[in-house]
PDB file of all heavy atoms in Angstrom:
ATOM      1  N   VAL A   1       0.808  -1.219   0.000  1.00  0.00           N
ATOM      2  CA  VAL A   1       0.000   0.000   0.000  1.00  0.00           C
ATOM      3  C   VAL A   1       0.839   1.266   0.000  1.00  0.00           C
ATOM      4  O   VAL A   1       0.290   2.373  -0.046  1.00  0.00           O
ATOM      5  CB  VAL A   1      -0.970   0.031   1.205  1.00  0.00           C
ATOM      6  CG1 VAL A   1      -1.820  -1.235   1.234  1.00  0.00           C
ATOM      7  CG2 VAL A   1      -0.223   0.213   2.517  1.00  0.00           C
ATOM      8  N   LYS A   2       2.141   1.095   0.041  1.00  0.00           N
ATOM      9  CA  LYS A   2       3.027   2.253   0.115  1.00  0.00           C
ATOM     10  C   LYS A   2       2.813   3.172  -1.086  1.00  0.00           C
ATOM     11  O   LYS A   2       2.742   2.724  -2.233  1.00  0.00           O
ATOM     12  CB  LYS A   2       4.481   1.790   0.174  1.00  0.00           C
ATOM     13  CG  LYS A   2       5.434   2.798   0.778  1.00  0.00           C
ATOM     14  CD  LYS A   2       6.835   2.228   0.921  1.00  0.00           C
ATOM     15  CE  LYS A   2       6.887   1.092   1.918  1.00  0.00           C
ATOM     16  NZ  LYS A   2       6.799   1.594   3.324  1.00  0.00           N
ATOM     17  N   GLY A   3       2.685   4.458  -0.790  1.00  0.00           N
ATOM     18  CA  GLY A   3       2.447   5.436  -1.851  1.00  0.00           C
ATOM     19  C   GLY A   3       0.981   5.609  -2.207  1.00  0.00           C
ATOM     20  O   GLY A   3       0.626   6.532  -2.945  1.00  0.00           O
ATOM     21  N   ARG A   4       0.123   4.729  -1.688  1.00  0.00           N
ATOM     22  CA  ARG A   4      -1.315   4.828  -1.986  1.00  0.00           C
ATOM     23  C   ARG A   4      -2.142   5.109  -0.728  1.00  0.00           C
ATOM     24  O   ARG A   4      -3.143   5.826  -0.796  1.00  0.00           O
ATOM     25  CB  ARG A   4      -1.823   3.531  -2.625  1.00  0.00           C
ATOM     26  CG  ARG A   4      -1.138   3.176  -3.926  1.00  0.00           C
ATOM     27  CD  ARG A   4      -1.819   1.992  -4.615  1.00  0.00           C
ATOM     28  NE  ARG A   4      -1.781   0.774  -3.819  1.00  0.00           N
ATOM     29  CZ  ARG A   4      -2.864   0.120  -3.404  1.00  0.00           C
ATOM     30  NH1 ARG A   4      -4.075   0.584  -3.683  1.00  0.00           N
ATOM     31  NH2 ARG A   4      -2.735  -1.000  -2.703  1.00  0.00           N
ATOM     32  N   PHE A   5      -1.765   4.550   0.396  1.00  0.00           N
ATOM     33  CA  PHE A   5      -2.498   4.729   1.657  1.00  0.00           C
ATOM     34  C   PHE A   5      -1.697   5.637   2.590  1.00  0.00           C
ATOM     35  O   PHE A   5      -0.475   5.519   2.683  1.00  0.00           O
ATOM     36  CB  PHE A   5      -2.707   3.392   2.360  1.00  0.00           C
ATOM     37  CG  PHE A   5      -3.644   2.446   1.674  1.00  0.00           C
ATOM     38  CD1 PHE A   5      -4.169   2.708   0.419  1.00  0.00           C
ATOM     39  CD2 PHE A   5      -4.012   1.257   2.296  1.00  0.00           C
ATOM     40  CE1 PHE A   5      -5.038   1.818  -0.212  1.00  0.00           C
ATOM     41  CE2 PHE A   5      -4.879   0.363   1.682  1.00  0.00           C
ATOM     42  CZ  PHE A   5      -5.375   0.642   0.427  1.00  0.00           C
ATOM     43  N   THR A   6      -2.412   6.506   3.294  1.00  0.00           N
ATOM     44  CA  THR A   6      -1.773   7.405   4.246  1.00  0.00           C
ATOM     45  C   THR A   6      -2.501   7.348   5.569  1.00  0.00           C
ATOM     46  O   THR A   6      -3.709   7.570   5.627  1.00  0.00           O
ATOM     47  CB  THR A   6      -1.785   8.853   3.725  1.00  0.00           C
ATOM     48  OG1 THR A   6      -1.121   8.909   2.453  1.00  0.00           O
ATOM     49  CG2 THR A   6      -1.067   9.777   4.697  1.00  0.00           C
ATOM     50  N   ILE A   7      -1.757   7.074   6.619  1.00  0.00           N
ATOM     51  CA  ILE A   7      -2.332   7.041   7.962  1.00  0.00           C
ATOM     52  C   ILE A   7      -2.058   8.366   8.659  1.00  0.00           C
ATOM     53  O   ILE A   7      -0.999   8.978   8.470  1.00  0.00           O
ATOM     54  CB  ILE A   7      -1.764   5.858   8.775  1.00  0.00           C
ATOM     55  CG1 ILE A   7      -2.507   5.690  10.095  1.00  0.00           C
ATOM     56  CG2 ILE A   7      -0.261   6.000   8.988  1.00  0.00           C
ATOM     57  CD1 ILE A   7      -2.145   4.418  10.857  1.00  0.00           C
ATOM     58  N   SER A   8      -3.025   8.824   9.441  1.00  0.00           N
ATOM     59  CA  SER A   8      -2.858  10.059  10.214  1.00  0.00           C
ATOM     60  C   SER A   8      -3.677   9.936  11.494  1.00  0.00           C
ATOM     61  O   SER A   8      -4.464   9.005  11.641  1.00  0.00           O
ATOM     62  CB  SER A   8      -3.288  11.280   9.399  1.00  0.00           C
ATOM     63  OG  SER A   8      -4.656  11.191   9.056  1.00  0.00           O
ATOM     64  N   ARG A   9      -3.490  10.866  12.384  1.00  0.00           N
ATOM     65  CA  ARG A   9      -4.232  10.824  13.650  1.00  0.00           C
ATOM     66  C   ARG A   9      -4.517  12.230  14.143  1.00  0.00           C
ATOM     67  O   ARG A   9      -3.780  13.165  13.854  1.00  0.00           O
ATOM     68  CB  ARG A   9      -3.460  10.021  14.692  1.00  0.00           C
ATOM     69  CG  ARG A   9      -2.196  10.685  15.197  1.00  0.00           C
ATOM     70  CD  ARG A   9      -1.332   9.710  16.020  1.00  0.00           C
ATOM     71  NE  ARG A   9      -2.016   9.243  17.220  1.00  0.00           N
ATOM     72  CZ  ARG A   9      -1.631   8.209  17.943  1.00  0.00           C
ATOM     73  NH1 ARG A   9      -0.569   7.485  17.556  1.00  0.00           N
ATOM     74  NH2 ARG A   9      -2.279   7.860  19.048  1.00  0.00           N
ATOM     75  N   ASP A  10      -5.575  12.340  14.927  1.00  0.00           N
ATOM     76  CA  ASP A  10      -5.935  13.570  15.620  1.00  0.00           C
ATOM     77  C   ASP A  10      -6.112  13.182  17.081  1.00  0.00           C
ATOM     78  O   ASP A  10      -7.153  12.637  17.459  1.00  0.00           O
ATOM     79  CB  ASP A  10      -7.214  14.156  15.030  1.00  0.00           C
ATOM     80  CG  ASP A  10      -7.579  15.507  15.633  1.00  0.00           C
ATOM     81  OD1 ASP A  10      -7.211  15.762  16.801  1.00  0.00           O
ATOM     82  OD2 ASP A  10      -8.240  16.299  14.947  1.00  0.00           O
ATOM     83  N   ASN A  11      -5.108  13.438  17.887  1.00  0.00           N
ATOM     84  CA  ASN A  11      -5.168  12.998  19.283  1.00  0.00           C
ATOM     85  C   ASN A  11      -6.258  13.711  20.072  1.00  0.00           C
ATOM     86  O   ASN A  11      -6.843  13.132  20.985  1.00  0.00           O
ATOM     87  CB  ASN A  11      -3.814  13.209  19.959  1.00  0.00           C
ATOM     88  CG  ASN A  11      -2.773  12.223  19.468  1.00  0.00           C
ATOM     89  OD1 ASN A  11      -3.089  11.109  19.039  1.00  0.00           O
ATOM     90  ND2 ASN A  11      -1.516  12.619  19.523  1.00  0.00           N
ATOM     91  N   ALA A  12      -6.543  14.943  19.739  1.00  0.00           N
ATOM     92  CA  ALA A  12      -7.598  15.675  20.437  1.00  0.00           C
ATOM     93  C   ALA A  12      -8.959  15.029  20.208  1.00  0.00           C
ATOM     94  O   ALA A  12      -9.815  15.029  21.095  1.00  0.00           O
ATOM     95  CB  ALA A  12      -7.626  17.124  19.975  1.00  0.00           C
ATOM     96  N   LYS A  13      -9.134  14.462  19.022  1.00  0.00           N
ATOM     97  CA  LYS A  13     -10.395  13.786  18.703  1.00  0.00           C
ATOM     98  C   LYS A  13     -10.318  12.282  18.963  1.00  0.00           C
ATOM     99  O   LYS A  13     -11.295  11.566  18.739  1.00  0.00           O
ATOM    100  CB  LYS A  13     -10.760  14.026  17.237  1.00  0.00           C
ATOM    101  CG  LYS A  13     -11.071  15.479  16.908  1.00  0.00           C
ATOM    102  CD  LYS A  13     -11.484  15.634  15.451  1.00  0.00           C
ATOM    103  CE  LYS A  13     -11.831  17.078  15.137  1.00  0.00           C
ATOM    104  NZ  LYS A  13     -12.241  17.253  13.722  1.00  0.00           N
ATOM    105  N   LYS A  14      -9.157  11.805  19.392  1.00  0.00           N
ATOM    106  CA  LYS A  14      -8.955  10.370  19.633  1.00  0.00           C
ATOM    107  C   LYS A  14      -9.357   9.565  18.398  1.00  0.00           C
ATOM    108  O   LYS A  14     -10.073   8.557  18.489  1.00  0.00           O
ATOM    109  CB  LYS A  14      -9.747   9.904  20.854  1.00  0.00           C
ATOM    110  CG  LYS A  14      -9.335  10.586  22.148  1.00  0.00           C
ATOM    111  CD  LYS A  14     -10.131  10.066  23.327  1.00  0.00           C
ATOM    112  CE  LYS A  14      -9.792  10.815  24.593  1.00  0.00           C
ATOM    113  NZ  LYS A  14     -10.597  10.343  25.749  1.00  0.00           N
ATOM    114  N   THR A  15      -8.886  10.005  17.269  1.00  0.00           N
ATOM    115  CA  THR A  15      -9.277   9.396  15.999  1.00  0.00           C
ATOM    116  C   THR A  15      -8.051   9.141  15.131  1.00  0.00           C
ATOM    117  O   THR A  15      -7.138   9.975  15.075  1.00  0.00           O
ATOM    118  CB  THR A  15     -10.275  10.288  15.252  1.00  0.00           C
ATOM    119  OG1 THR A  15     -11.423  10.490  16.073  1.00  0.00           O
ATOM    120  CG2 THR A  15     -10.717   9.648  13.941  1.00  0.00           C
ATOM    121  N   VAL A  16      -8.064   7.983  14.486  1.00  0.00           N
ATOM    122  CA  VAL A  16      -7.037   7.625  13.510  1.00  0.00           C
ATOM    123  C   VAL A  16      -7.713   7.525  12.152  1.00  0.00           C
ATOM    124  O   VAL A  16      -8.834   7.014  12.049  1.00  0.00           O
ATOM    125  CB  VAL A  16      -6.376   6.284  13.866  1.00  0.00           C
ATOM    126  CG1 VAL A  16      -5.255   5.956  12.876  1.00  0.00           C
ATOM    127  CG2 VAL A  16      -5.826   6.313  15.271  1.00  0.00           C
ATOM    128  N   TYR A  17      -7.023   8.002  11.131  1.00  0.00           N
ATOM    129  CA  TYR A  17      -7.581   8.002   9.782  1.00  0.00           C
ATOM    130  C   TYR A  17      -6.707   7.158   8.858  1.00  0.00           C
ATOM    131  O   TYR A  17      -5.515   6.981   9.083  1.00  0.00           O
ATOM    132  CB  TYR A  17      -7.651   9.425   9.231  1.00  0.00           C
ATOM    133  CG  TYR A  17      -8.435  10.382  10.091  1.00  0.00           C
ATOM    134  CD1 TYR A  17      -7.782  11.221  10.990  1.00  0.00           C
ATOM    135  CD2 TYR A  17      -9.819  10.448  10.007  1.00  0.00           C
ATOM    136  CE1 TYR A  17      -8.487  12.108  11.786  1.00  0.00           C
ATOM    137  CE2 TYR A  17     -10.546  11.335  10.796  1.00  0.00           C
ATOM    138  CZ  TYR A  17      -9.866  12.165  11.686  1.00  0.00           C
ATOM    139  OH  TYR A  17     -10.577  13.021  12.473  1.00  0.00           O
ATOM    140  N   LEU A  18      -7.332   6.671   7.803  1.00  0.00           N
ATOM    141  CA  LEU A  18      -6.589   6.021   6.738  1.00  0.00           C
ATOM    142  C   LEU A  18      -7.149   6.524   5.417  1.00  0.00           C
ATOM    143  O   LEU A  18      -8.312   6.270   5.097  1.00  0.00           O
ATOM    144  CB  LEU A  18      -6.699   4.503   6.813  1.00  0.00           C
ATOM    145  CG  LEU A  18      -5.801   3.736   5.830  1.00  0.00           C
ATOM    146  CD1 LEU A  18      -4.321   3.928   6.203  1.00  0.00           C
ATOM    147  CD2 LEU A  18      -6.134   2.245   5.818  1.00  0.00           C
ATOM    148  N   GLN A  19      -6.325   7.273   4.707  1.00  0.00           N
ATOM    149  CA  GLN A  19      -6.705   7.749   3.382  1.00  0.00           C
ATOM    150  C   GLN A  19      -6.262   6.699   2.371  1.00  0.00           C
ATOM    151  O   GLN A  19      -5.075   6.368   2.296  1.00  0.00           O
ATOM    152  CB  GLN A  19      -6.044   9.095   3.081  1.00  0.00           C
ATOM    153  CG  GLN A  19      -6.342   9.637   1.702  1.00  0.00           C
ATOM    154  CD  GLN A  19      -7.787  10.043   1.522  1.00  0.00           C
ATOM    155  OE1 GLN A  19      -8.382  10.648   2.408  1.00  0.00           O
ATOM    156  NE2 GLN A  19      -8.370   9.722   0.369  1.00  0.00           N
ATOM    157  N   LEU A  20      -7.210   6.199   1.606  1.00  0.00           N
ATOM    158  CA  LEU A  20      -6.930   5.177   0.608  1.00  0.00           C
ATOM    159  C   LEU A  20      -7.073   5.803  -0.771  1.00  0.00           C
ATOM    160  O   LEU A  20      -8.149   6.291  -1.118  1.00  0.00           O
ATOM    161  CB  LEU A  20      -7.897   3.998   0.733  1.00  0.00           C
ATOM    162  CG  LEU A  20      -7.855   3.124   1.980  1.00  0.00           C
ATOM    163  CD1 LEU A  20      -8.419   3.824   3.199  1.00  0.00           C
ATOM    164  CD2 LEU A  20      -8.620   1.836   1.750  1.00  0.00           C
ATOM    165  N   ASN A  21      -6.017   5.810  -1.530  1.00  0.00           N
ATOM    166  CA  ASN A  21      -6.043   6.342  -2.895  1.00  0.00           C
ATOM    167  C   ASN A  21      -5.647   5.247  -3.876  1.00  0.00           C
ATOM    168  O   ASN A  21      -5.037   4.248  -3.507  1.00  0.00           O
ATOM    169  CB  ASN A  21      -5.094   7.528  -3.023  1.00  0.00           C
ATOM    170  CG  ASN A  21      -5.528   8.718  -2.207  1.00  0.00           C
ATOM    171  OD1 ASN A  21      -6.723   8.967  -2.027  1.00  0.00           O
ATOM    172  ND2 ASN A  21      -4.562   9.474  -1.704  1.00  0.00           N
ATOM    173  N   SER A  22      -6.003   5.469  -5.128  1.00  0.00           N
ATOM    174  CA  SER A  22      -5.647   4.515  -6.195  1.00  0.00           C
ATOM    175  C   SER A  22      -6.002   3.088  -5.800  1.00  0.00           C
ATOM    176  O   SER A  22      -5.183   2.163  -5.917  1.00  0.00           O
ATOM    177  CB  SER A  22      -4.151   4.625  -6.510  1.00  0.00           C
ATOM    178  OG  SER A  22      -3.806   5.933  -6.890  1.00  0.00           O
ATOM    179  N   LEU A  23      -7.218   2.920  -5.351  1.00  0.00           N
ATOM    180  CA  LEU A  23      -7.633   1.620  -4.831  1.00  0.00           C
ATOM    181  C   LEU A  23      -7.623   0.552  -5.916  1.00  0.00           C
ATOM    182  O   LEU A  23      -7.926   0.817  -7.087  1.00  0.00           O
ATOM    183  CB  LEU A  23      -9.019   1.723  -4.212  1.00  0.00           C
ATOM    184  CG  LEU A  23      -9.021   2.284  -2.782  1.00  0.00           C
ATOM    185  CD1 LEU A  23     -10.390   2.790  -2.388  1.00  0.00           C
ATOM    186  CD2 LEU A  23      -8.535   1.217  -1.806  1.00  0.00           C
ATOM    187  N   LYS A  24      -7.289  -0.655  -5.500  1.00  0.00           N
ATOM    188  CA  LYS A  24      -7.240  -1.803  -6.383  1.00  0.00           C
ATOM    189  C   LYS A  24      -8.252  -2.843  -5.911  1.00  0.00           C
ATOM    190  O   LYS A  24      -8.631  -2.856  -4.721  1.00  0.00           O
ATOM    191  CB  LYS A  24      -5.845  -2.421  -6.381  1.00  0.00           C
ATOM    192  CG  LYS A  24      -4.732  -1.459  -6.772  1.00  0.00           C
ATOM    193  CD  LYS A  24      -3.376  -2.133  -6.654  1.00  0.00           C
ATOM    194  CE  LYS A  24      -2.252  -1.171  -7.027  1.00  0.00           C
ATOM    195  NZ  LYS A  24      -0.910  -1.817  -6.913  1.00  0.00           N
ATOM    196  N   VAL A  25      -8.651  -3.714  -6.808  1.00  0.00           N
ATOM    197  CA  VAL A  25      -9.605  -4.759  -6.435  1.00  0.00           C
ATOM    198  C   VAL A  25      -9.073  -5.575  -5.257  1.00  0.00           C
ATOM    199  O   VAL A  25      -9.825  -5.958  -4.358  1.00  0.00           O
ATOM    200  CB  VAL A  25      -9.899  -5.666  -7.641  1.00  0.00           C
ATOM    201  CG1 VAL A  25     -10.724  -6.869  -7.221  1.00  0.00           C
ATOM    202  CG2 VAL A  25     -10.612  -4.889  -8.738  1.00  0.00           C
ATOM    203  N   GLU A  26      -7.775  -5.798  -5.235  1.00  0.00           N
ATOM    204  CA  GLU A  26      -7.174  -6.598  -4.165  1.00  0.00           C
ATOM    205  C   GLU A  26      -7.128  -5.878  -2.818  1.00  0.00           C
ATOM    206  O   GLU A  26      -6.712  -6.464  -1.816  1.00  0.00           O
ATOM    207  CB  GLU A  26      -5.763  -7.058  -4.551  1.00  0.00           C
ATOM    208  CG  GLU A  26      -4.837  -5.958  -5.023  1.00  0.00           C
ATOM    209  CD  GLU A  26      -4.796  -5.837  -6.536  1.00  0.00           C
ATOM    210  OE1 GLU A  26      -5.866  -5.934  -7.189  1.00  0.00           O
ATOM    211  OE2 GLU A  26      -3.683  -5.617  -7.075  1.00  0.00           O
ATOM    212  N   ASP A  27      -7.532  -4.625  -2.774  1.00  0.00           N
ATOM    213  CA  ASP A  27      -7.650  -3.921  -1.493  1.00  0.00           C
ATOM    214  C   ASP A  27      -8.975  -4.223  -0.801  1.00  0.00           C
ATOM    215  O   ASP A  27      -9.199  -3.790   0.331  1.00  0.00           O
ATOM    216  CB  ASP A  27      -7.539  -2.404  -1.701  1.00  0.00           C
ATOM    217  CG  ASP A  27      -6.171  -1.972  -2.192  1.00  0.00           C
ATOM    218  OD1 ASP A  27      -5.169  -2.535  -1.714  1.00  0.00           O
ATOM    219  OD2 ASP A  27      -6.112  -1.067  -3.046  1.00  0.00           O
ATOM    220  N   THR A  28      -9.849  -4.943  -1.468  1.00  0.00           N
ATOM    221  CA  THR A  28     -11.127  -5.320  -0.868  1.00  0.00           C
ATOM    222  C   THR A  28     -10.894  -6.122   0.401  1.00  0.00           C
ATOM    223  O   THR A  28     -10.188  -7.139   0.389  1.00  0.00           O
ATOM    224  CB  THR A  28     -11.963  -6.144  -1.860  1.00  0.00           C
ATOM    225  OG1 THR A  28     -12.310  -5.318  -2.979  1.00  0.00           O
ATOM    226  CG2 THR A  28     -13.231  -6.671  -1.202  1.00  0.00           C
ATOM    227  N   ALA A  29     -11.468  -5.649   1.507  1.00  0.00           N
ATOM    228  CA  ALA A  29     -11.245  -6.279   2.807  1.00  0.00           C
ATOM    229  C   ALA A  29     -12.068  -5.551   3.864  1.00  0.00           C
ATOM    230  O   ALA A  29     -12.604  -4.470   3.608  1.00  0.00           O
ATOM    231  CB  ALA A  29      -9.767  -6.226   3.195  1.00  0.00           C
ATOM    232  N   VAL A  30     -12.142  -6.154   5.031  1.00  0.00           N
ATOM    233  CA  VAL A  30     -12.646  -5.455   6.207  1.00  0.00           C
ATOM    234  C   VAL A  30     -11.444  -4.793   6.869  1.00  0.00           C
ATOM    235  O   VAL A  30     -10.425  -5.455   7.120  1.00  0.00           O
ATOM    236  CB  VAL A  30     -13.355  -6.400   7.187  1.00  0.00           C
ATOM    237  CG1 VAL A  30     -13.836  -5.624   8.409  1.00  0.00           C
ATOM    238  CG2 VAL A  30     -14.535  -7.091   6.504  1.00  0.00           C
ATOM    239  N   TYR A  31     -11.541  -3.515   7.123  1.00  0.00           N
ATOM    240  CA  TYR A  31     -10.451  -2.740   7.699  1.00  0.00           C
ATOM    241  C   TYR A  31     -10.741  -2.462   9.173  1.00  0.00           C
ATOM    242  O   TYR A  31     -11.857  -2.070   9.541  1.00  0.00           O
ATOM    243  CB  TYR A  31     -10.277  -1.429   6.935  1.00  0.00           C
ATOM    244  CG  TYR A  31      -9.611  -1.623   5.596  1.00  0.00           C
ATOM    245  CD1 TYR A  31     -10.291  -2.210   4.541  1.00  0.00           C
ATOM    246  CD2 TYR A  31      -8.281  -1.238   5.390  1.00  0.00           C
ATOM    247  CE1 TYR A  31      -9.672  -2.418   3.314  1.00  0.00           C
ATOM    248  CE2 TYR A  31      -7.658  -1.427   4.167  1.00  0.00           C
ATOM    249  CZ  TYR A  31      -8.358  -2.025   3.136  1.00  0.00           C
ATOM    250  OH  TYR A  31      -7.743  -2.219   1.925  1.00  0.00           O
ATOM    251  N   TYR A  32      -9.720  -2.671   9.982  1.00  0.00           N
ATOM    252  CA  TYR A  32      -9.804  -2.481  11.428  1.00  0.00           C
ATOM    253  C   TYR A  32      -8.665  -1.572  11.891  1.00  0.00           C
ATOM    254  O   TYR A  32      -7.601  -1.521  11.281  1.00  0.00           O
ATOM    255  CB  TYR A  32      -9.627  -3.810  12.163  1.00  0.00           C
ATOM    256  CG  TYR A  32     -10.564  -4.915  11.781  1.00  0.00           C
ATOM    257  CD1 TYR A  32     -10.292  -5.756  10.698  1.00  0.00           C
ATOM    258  CD2 TYR A  32     -11.715  -5.166  12.525  1.00  0.00           C
ATOM    259  CE1 TYR A  32     -11.136  -6.790  10.358  1.00  0.00           C
ATOM    260  CE2 TYR A  32     -12.570  -6.210  12.203  1.00  0.00           C
ATOM    261  CZ  TYR A  32     -12.270  -7.013  11.116  1.00  0.00           C
ATOM    262  OH  TYR A  32     -13.112  -8.045  10.788  1.00  0.00           O
ATOM    263  N   CYS A  33      -8.888  -0.913  13.011  1.00  0.00           N
ATOM    264  CA  CYS A  33      -7.777  -0.234  13.664  1.00  0.00           C
ATOM    265  C   CYS A  33      -7.528  -0.907  15.012  1.00  0.00           C
ATOM    266  O   CYS A  33      -8.403  -1.579  15.566  1.00  0.00           O
ATOM    267  CB  CYS A  33      -8.039   1.247  13.835  1.00  0.00           C
ATOM    268  SG  CYS A  33      -9.323   1.646  15.029  1.00  0.00           S
ATOM    269  N   ASN A  34      -6.337  -0.738  15.512  1.00  0.00           N
ATOM    270  CA  ASN A  34      -5.960  -1.275  16.811  1.00  0.00           C
ATOM    271  C   ASN A  34      -4.605  -0.678  17.143  1.00  0.00           C
ATOM    272  O   ASN A  34      -3.980  -0.010  16.319  1.00  0.00           O
ATOM    273  CB  ASN A  34      -5.876  -2.804  16.779  1.00  0.00           C
ATOM    274  CG  ASN A  34      -6.130  -3.443  18.141  1.00  0.00           C
ATOM    275  OD1 ASN A  34      -5.493  -3.075  19.124  1.00  0.00           O
ATOM    276  ND2 ASN A  34      -7.052  -4.382  18.200  1.00  0.00           N
ATOM    277  N   ALA A  35      -4.144  -0.924  18.320  1.00  0.00           N
ATOM    278  CA  ALA A  35      -2.781  -0.546  18.651  1.00  0.00           C
ATOM    279  C   ALA A  35      -1.848  -1.425  17.814  1.00  0.00           C
ATOM    280  O   ALA A  35      -2.242  -2.438  17.252  1.00  0.00           O
ATOM    281  CB  ALA A  35      -2.524  -0.761  20.131  1.00  0.00           C
ATOM    282  N   ALA A  36      -0.599  -1.021  17.741  1.00  0.00           N
ATOM    283  CA  ALA A  36       0.401  -1.808  17.019  1.00  0.00           C
ATOM    284  C   ALA A  36       1.600  -1.996  17.937  1.00  0.00           C
ATOM    285  O   ALA A  36       2.293  -1.022  18.228  1.00  0.00           O
ATOM    286  CB  ALA A  36       0.800  -1.111  15.728  1.00  0.00           C
ATOM    287  N   PRO A  37       1.872  -3.228  18.365  1.00  0.00           N
ATOM    288  CA  PRO A  37       1.106  -4.463  18.152  1.00  0.00           C
ATOM    289  C   PRO A  37      -0.293  -4.390  18.754  1.00  0.00           C
ATOM    290  O   PRO A  37      -0.529  -3.615  19.685  1.00  0.00           O
ATOM    291  CB  PRO A  37       1.939  -5.531  18.872  1.00  0.00           C
ATOM    292  CG  PRO A  37       3.290  -4.934  19.083  1.00  0.00           C
ATOM    293  CD  PRO A  37       3.079  -3.462  19.191  1.00  0.00           C
ATOM    294  N   ALA A  38      -1.196  -5.170  18.231  1.00  0.00           N
ATOM    295  CA  ALA A  38      -2.597  -5.138  18.650  1.00  0.00           C
ATOM    296  C   ALA A  38      -2.771  -5.753  20.026  1.00  0.00           C
ATOM    297  O   ALA A  38      -2.315  -6.857  20.301  1.00  0.00           O
ATOM    298  CB  ALA A  38      -3.453  -5.889  17.639  1.00  0.00           C
ATOM    299  N   TRP A  39      -3.441  -4.990  20.893  1.00  0.00           N
ATOM    300  CA  TRP A  39      -3.776  -5.527  22.223  1.00  0.00           C
ATOM    301  C   TRP A  39      -5.158  -5.098  22.674  1.00  0.00           C
ATOM    302  O   TRP A  39      -5.695  -5.599  23.639  1.00  0.00           O
ATOM    303  CB  TRP A  39      -2.740  -5.106  23.269  1.00  0.00           C
ATOM    304  CG  TRP A  39      -2.608  -3.625  23.460  1.00  0.00           C
ATOM    305  CD1 TRP A  39      -1.678  -2.806  22.875  1.00  0.00           C
ATOM    306  CD2 TRP A  39      -3.400  -2.773  24.286  1.00  0.00           C
ATOM    307  NE1 TRP A  39      -1.861  -1.506  23.275  1.00  0.00           N
ATOM    308  CE2 TRP A  39      -2.905  -1.454  24.153  1.00  0.00           C
ATOM    309  CE3 TRP A  39      -4.491  -2.978  25.134  1.00  0.00           C
ATOM    310  CZ2 TRP A  39      -3.449  -0.366  24.821  1.00  0.00           C
ATOM    311  CZ3 TRP A  39      -5.036  -1.899  25.816  1.00  0.00           C
ATOM    312  CH2 TRP A  39      -4.516  -0.604  25.645  1.00  0.00           C
TER     313      TRP A  39
END
């Protein structure tokens, strides 16, 4: 996804974003957020 997806965050809003550009059929999926590593 490098060069196509961009992650960002707004700590005041406690929100994480993922901008997806130039989407491909193979990007079809359920998308989740979590800590990294996930806990």
